[in-house]
C-alpha atoms as a PDB file:
ATOM      1  CA  UNK A   1      37.069  -2.482  17.423  1.00  0.00           C
ATOM      2  CA  UNK A   2      35.402  -5.831  16.351  1.00  0.00           C
ATOM      3  CA  UNK A   3      33.034  -5.699  19.566  1.00  0.00           C
ATOM      4  CA  UNK A   4      32.404  -1.605  18.482  1.00  0.00           C
ATOM      5  CA  UNK A   5      31.073  -2.943  15.002  1.00  0.00           C
ATOM      6  CA  UNK A   6      28.967  -5.802  15.948  1.00  0.00           C
ATOM      7  CA  UNK A   7      27.246  -3.440  18.447  1.00  0.00           C
ATOM      8  CA  UNK A   8      27.033  -1.090  15.613  1.00  0.00           C
ATOM      9  CA  UNK A   9      25.386  -3.453  13.292  1.00  0.00           C
ATOM     10  CA  UNK A  10      23.147  -4.887  15.763  1.00  0.00           C
ATOM     11  CA  UNK A  11      21.960  -1.077  16.716  1.00  0.00           C
ATOM     12  CA  UNK A  12      21.808  -0.361  13.121  1.00  0.00           C
ATOM     13  CA  UNK A  13      19.427  -3.706  12.526  1.00  0.00           C
ATOM     14  CA  UNK A  14      17.271  -3.099  15.138  1.00  0.00           C
ATOM     15  CA  UNK A  15      16.602   0.498  14.240  1.00  0.00           C
ATOM     16  CA  UNK A  16      15.699  -0.559  10.803  1.00  0.00           C
ATOM     17  CA  UNK A  17      13.469  -3.346  11.967  1.00  0.00           C
ATOM     18  CA  UNK A  18      11.614  -1.313  13.977  1.00  0.00           C
ATOM     19  CA  UNK A  19      10.699   0.957  11.039  1.00  0.00           C
ATOM     20  CA  UNK A  20       9.062  -1.791   9.619  1.00  0.00           C
ATOM     21  CA  UNK A  21       6.311  -2.189  11.750  1.00  0.00           C
ATOM     22  CA  UNK A  22       3.930  -5.246  12.274  1.00  0.00           C
ATOM     23  CA  UNK A  23       1.096  -6.142   9.796  1.00  0.00           C
ATOM     24  CA  UNK A  24      -1.981  -4.431  11.072  1.00  0.00           C
ATOM     25  CA  UNK A  25      -4.761  -6.655  12.094  1.00  0.00           C
ATOM     26  CA  UNK A  26      -7.292  -4.551  11.286  1.00  0.00           C
ATOM     27  CA  UNK A  27      -6.786  -4.319   7.652  1.00  0.00           C
ATOM     28  CA  UNK A  28      -8.894  -5.791   4.749  1.00  0.00           C
ATOM     29  CA  UNK A  29     -12.329  -5.196   3.246  1.00  0.00           C
ATOM     30  CA  UNK A  30     -15.548  -5.369   5.593  1.00  0.00           C
ATOM     31  CA  UNK A  31     -18.943  -4.880   3.951  1.00  0.00           C
ATOM     32  CA  UNK A  32     -16.865  -3.767   0.711  1.00  0.00           C
ATOM     33  CA  UNK A  33     -15.055  -1.088   2.604  1.00  0.00           C
ATOM     34  CA  UNK A  34     -11.519  -0.505   4.233  1.00  0.00           C
ATOM     35  CA  UNK A  35     -10.540   1.026   7.592  1.00  0.00           C
ATOM     36  CA  UNK A  36     -10.791   4.984   7.159  1.00  0.00           C
ATOM     37  CA  UNK A  37      -7.289   6.424   6.800  1.00  0.00           C
ATOM     38  CA  UNK A  38      -6.225   7.897   9.893  1.00  0.00           C
ATOM     39  CA  UNK A  39      -6.009  11.949  10.436  1.00  0.00           C
ATOM     40  CA  UNK A  40      -2.132  11.791   9.682  1.00  0.00           C
ATOM     41  CA  UNK A  41      -1.479  12.549   6.131  1.00  0.00           C
ATOM     42  CA  UNK A  42       0.647   9.337   5.282  1.00  0.00           C
ATOM     43  CA  UNK A  43      -2.626   7.482   3.869  1.00  0.00           C
ATOM     44  CA  UNK A  44      -4.386   7.900   0.686  1.00  0.00           C
ATOM     45  CA  UNK A  45      -7.740   5.617  -0.290  1.00  0.00           C
ATOM     46  CA  UNK A  46     -10.266   5.533  -2.969  1.00  0.00           C
ATOM     47  CA  UNK A  47     -12.825   5.134  -0.142  1.00  0.00           C
ATOM     48  CA  UNK A  48     -12.153   8.163   1.729  1.00  0.00           C
ATOM     49  CA  UNK A  49     -14.722  10.899   1.509  1.00  0.00           C
ATOM     50  CA  UNK A  50     -14.390  13.048  -1.543  1.00  0.00           C
ATOM     51  CA  UNK A  51     -14.070  16.607   0.526  1.00  0.00           C
ATOM     52  CA  UNK A  52     -11.094  14.814   2.069  1.00  0.00           C
ATOM     53  CA  UNK A  53      -8.361  16.267  -0.213  1.00  0.00           C
ATOM     54  CA  UNK A  54      -5.580  14.870   1.973  1.00  0.00           C
ATOM     55  CA  UNK A  55      -6.597  11.486   1.590  1.00  0.00           C
ATOM     56  CA  UNK A  56      -9.054  10.792  -0.839  1.00  0.00           C
ATOM     57  CA  UNK A  57      -7.997   9.515  -4.518  1.00  0.00           C
ATOM     58  CA  UNK A  58     -10.181   8.226  -7.472  1.00  0.00           C
ATOM     59  CA  UNK A  59     -10.375   4.155  -7.797  1.00  0.00           C
ATOM     60  CA  UNK A  60      -9.035   2.598 -11.038  1.00  0.00           C
ATOM     61  CA  UNK A  61     -11.286   1.566 -13.598  1.00  0.00           C
ATOM     62  CA  UNK A  62     -11.519  -1.247 -15.861  1.00  0.00           C
ATOM     63  CA  UNK A  63     -13.129  -3.026 -18.599  1.00  0.00           C
ATOM     64  CA  UNK A  64     -13.556  -6.667 -19.474  1.00  0.00           C
ATOM     65  CA  UNK A  65     -13.131  -9.413 -16.772  1.00  0.00           C
ATOM     66  CA  UNK A  66     -12.344  -9.033 -13.216  1.00  0.00           C
ATOM     67  CA  UNK A  67      -9.645 -11.583 -13.778  1.00  0.00           C
ATOM     68  CA  UNK A  68      -8.011 -10.017 -16.405  1.00  0.00           C
ATOM     69  CA  UNK A  69      -7.903  -6.624 -14.454  1.00  0.00           C
ATOM     70  CA  UNK A  70      -6.297  -8.379 -11.271  1.00  0.00           C
ATOM     71  CA  UNK A  71      -3.678 -10.318 -13.395  1.00  0.00           C
ATOM     72  CA  UNK A  72      -2.756  -6.782 -14.754  1.00  0.00           C
ATOM     73  CA  UNK A  73      -2.755  -4.904 -11.707  1.00  0.00           C
ATOM     74  CA  UNK A  74      -0.175  -8.034  -9.911  1.00  0.00           C
ATOM     75  CA  UNK A  75       1.974  -7.623 -12.906  1.00  0.00           C
ATOM     76  CA  UNK A  76       2.125  -3.882 -12.237  1.00  0.00           C
ATOM     77  CA  UNK A  77       2.797  -4.645  -8.470  1.00  0.00           C
ATOM     78  CA  UNK A  78       5.496  -7.149  -9.007  1.00  0.00           C
ATOM     79  CA  UNK A  79       7.227  -5.067 -11.120  1.00  0.00           C
ATOM     80  CA  UNK A  80       7.638  -2.515  -8.695  1.00  0.00           C
ATOM     81  CA  UNK A  81      10.941  -2.392  -6.218  1.00  0.00           C
ATOM     82  CA  UNK A  82      10.667  -4.021  -2.902  1.00  0.00           C
ATOM     83  CA  UNK A  83       7.162  -5.281  -3.163  1.00  0.00           C
ATOM     84  CA  UNK A  84       5.563  -8.284  -1.691  1.00  0.00           C
ATOM     85  CA  UNK A  85       2.230  -9.585  -2.269  1.00  0.00           C
ATOM     86  CA  UNK A  86       0.913 -11.312   1.008  1.00  0.00           C
ATOM     87  CA  UNK A  87      -2.605 -11.983   0.027  1.00  0.00           C
ATOM     88  CA  UNK A  88      -4.276 -12.251  -3.196  1.00  0.00           C
ATOM     89  CA  UNK A  89      -7.874 -13.927  -2.911  1.00  0.00           C
ATOM     90  CA  UNK A  90     -11.064 -13.641  -4.555  1.00  0.00           C
ATOM     91  CA  UNK A  91     -11.819  -9.772  -4.774  1.00  0.00           C
ATOM     92  CA  UNK A  92      -8.694  -8.969  -2.201  1.00  0.00           C
ATOM     93  CA  UNK A  93      -4.852  -8.133  -2.747  1.00  0.00           C
ATOM     94  CA  UNK A  94      -2.932  -6.982   0.262  1.00  0.00           C
ATOM     95  CA  UNK A  95       0.705  -5.821  -0.581  1.00  0.00           C
ATOM     96  CA  UNK A  96       3.627  -4.604   1.217  1.00  0.00           C
ATOM     97  CA  UNK A  97       6.048  -1.818  -0.260  1.00  0.00           C
ATOM     98  CA  UNK A  98       9.630  -1.042   1.644  1.00  0.00           C
ATOM     99  CA  UNK A  99      11.082   2.175   1.291  1.00  0.00           C
ATOM    100  CA  UNK A 100      14.817   1.686  -0.041  1.00  0.00           C
ATOM    101  CA  UNK A 101      16.854   3.597   2.789  1.00  0.00           C
ATOM    102  CA  UNK A 102      14.840   3.117   6.196  1.00  0.00           C
ATOM    103  CA  UNK A 103      13.030   0.253   5.395  1.00  0.00           C
ATOM    104  CA  UNK A 104       9.604   1.949   6.173  1.00  0.00           C
ATOM    105  CA  UNK A 105       6.774  -0.678   5.060  1.00  0.00           C
ATOM    106  CA  UNK A 106       3.260   0.487   3.569  1.00  0.00           C
ATOM    107  CA  UNK A 107       0.537  -1.548   3.574  1.00  0.00           C
ATOM    108  CA  UNK A 108      -1.495  -1.128  -0.058  1.00  0.00           C
ATOM    109  CA  UNK A 109      -4.833  -2.974  -0.409  1.00  0.00           C
ATOM    110  CA  UNK A 110      -6.974  -3.254  -3.347  1.00  0.00           C
ATOM    111  CA  UNK A 111     -10.636  -4.141  -3.788  1.00  0.00           C
ATOM    112  CA  UNK A 112     -12.089  -5.243  -6.879  1.00  0.00           C
ATOM    113  CA  UNK A 113     -15.881  -3.886  -7.290  1.00  0.00           C
ATOM    114  CA  UNK A 114     -16.643  -6.071 -10.360  1.00  0.00           C
ATOM    115  CA  UNK A 115     -20.490  -4.557 -10.242  1.00  0.00           C
ATOM    116  CA  UNK A 116     -19.271  -0.920 -10.534  1.00  0.00           C
ATOM    117  CA  UNK A 117     -15.723  -2.289 -12.565  1.00  0.00           C
ATOM    118  CA  UNK A 118     -13.499  -0.314 -10.248  1.00  0.00           C
ATOM    119  CA  UNK A 119     -10.476  -1.227  -8.040  1.00  0.00           C
ATOM    120  CA  UNK A 120     -10.823   0.606  -4.823  1.00  0.00           C
ATOM    121  CA  UNK A 121      -7.392   0.777  -2.874  1.00  0.00           C
ATOM    122  CA  UNK A 122      -6.002   2.227   0.275  1.00  0.00           C
ATOM    123  CA  UNK A 123      -2.329   2.706   0.762  1.00  0.00           C
ATOM    124  CA  UNK A 124      -1.068   3.527   4.348  1.00  0.00           C
ATOM    125  CA  UNK A 125       2.140   3.776   6.364  1.00  0.00           C
ATOM    126  CA  UNK A 126       2.503   1.601   8.814  1.00  0.00           C
ATOM    127  CA  UNK A 127       4.722   4.123  11.091  1.00  0.00           C
ATOM    128  CA  UNK A 128       5.248   7.840  11.424  1.00  0.00           C
ATOM    129  CA  UNK A 129       3.285  10.876  10.746  1.00  0.00           C
ATOM    130  CA  UNK A 130       3.993  12.247   7.274  1.00  0.00           C
ATOM    131  CA  UNK A 131       5.282  10.078   4.343  1.00  0.00           C
ATOM    132  CA  UNK A 132       6.021  13.221   2.191  1.00  0.00           C
ATOM    133  CA  UNK A 133       3.383  12.186  -0.532  1.00  0.00           C
ATOM    134  CA  UNK A 134       5.003   8.394  -0.945  1.00  0.00           C
ATOM    135  CA  UNK A 135       1.685   6.792  -0.805  1.00  0.00           C
ATOM    136  CA  UNK A 136      -0.164   9.157  -3.153  1.00  0.00           C
ATOM    137  CA  UNK A 137       2.695   9.368  -5.352  1.00  0.00           C
ATOM    138  CA  UNK A 138       2.639   5.506  -5.476  1.00  0.00           C
ATOM    139  CA  UNK A 139      -0.929   5.157  -6.036  1.00  0.00           C
ATOM    140  CA  UNK A 140      -0.889   7.536  -9.316  1.00  0.00           C
ATOM    141  CA  UNK A 141       1.912   5.585 -10.421  1.00  0.00           C
ATOM    142  CA  UNK A 142       0.167   2.172 -10.149  1.00  0.00           C
ATOM    143  CA  UNK A 143      -2.911   3.920 -11.581  1.00  0.00           C
ATOM    144  CA  UNK A 144      -1.102   5.445 -14.709  1.00  0.00           C
ATOM    145  CA  UNK A 145       0.257   2.205 -15.325  1.00  0.00           C
ATOM    146  CA  UNK A 146      -2.912   0.397 -15.366  1.00  0.00           C
ATOM    147  CA  UNK A 147      -4.517   2.877 -17.980  1.00  0.00           C
ATOM    148  CA  UNK A 148      -1.595   1.917 -20.239  1.00  0.00           C
END
């Protein structure tokens, strides 16, 4: 019985670890742009084509200094559950959001365009095809909290 429990525990751990995936090597900002969302509906981006209703969202606007906007955004991210900021440098933030039950990890990136006073973002699942709208809902929640 003990061996069965141990095997079951190991199997569950492996399954959950597989759900998290590894951090993509091709994320970040290049020439002011994130990589494009894949064709699957598990990604949203403020830099997606405006006629791409599946992936596009408006960027977050701010007034005042970029530093103040960044501090506010970091506070919002840190206030959300199962979230880790893995990079926070210059005009870029990368964070990982983990789902509660299956431990799926989404990569959420922010780019501060201080010239235009906007925060561009890209939120994408590492695994799977559909996220049931989780990335869009998350970014709507972040944008709403930022406007308060």
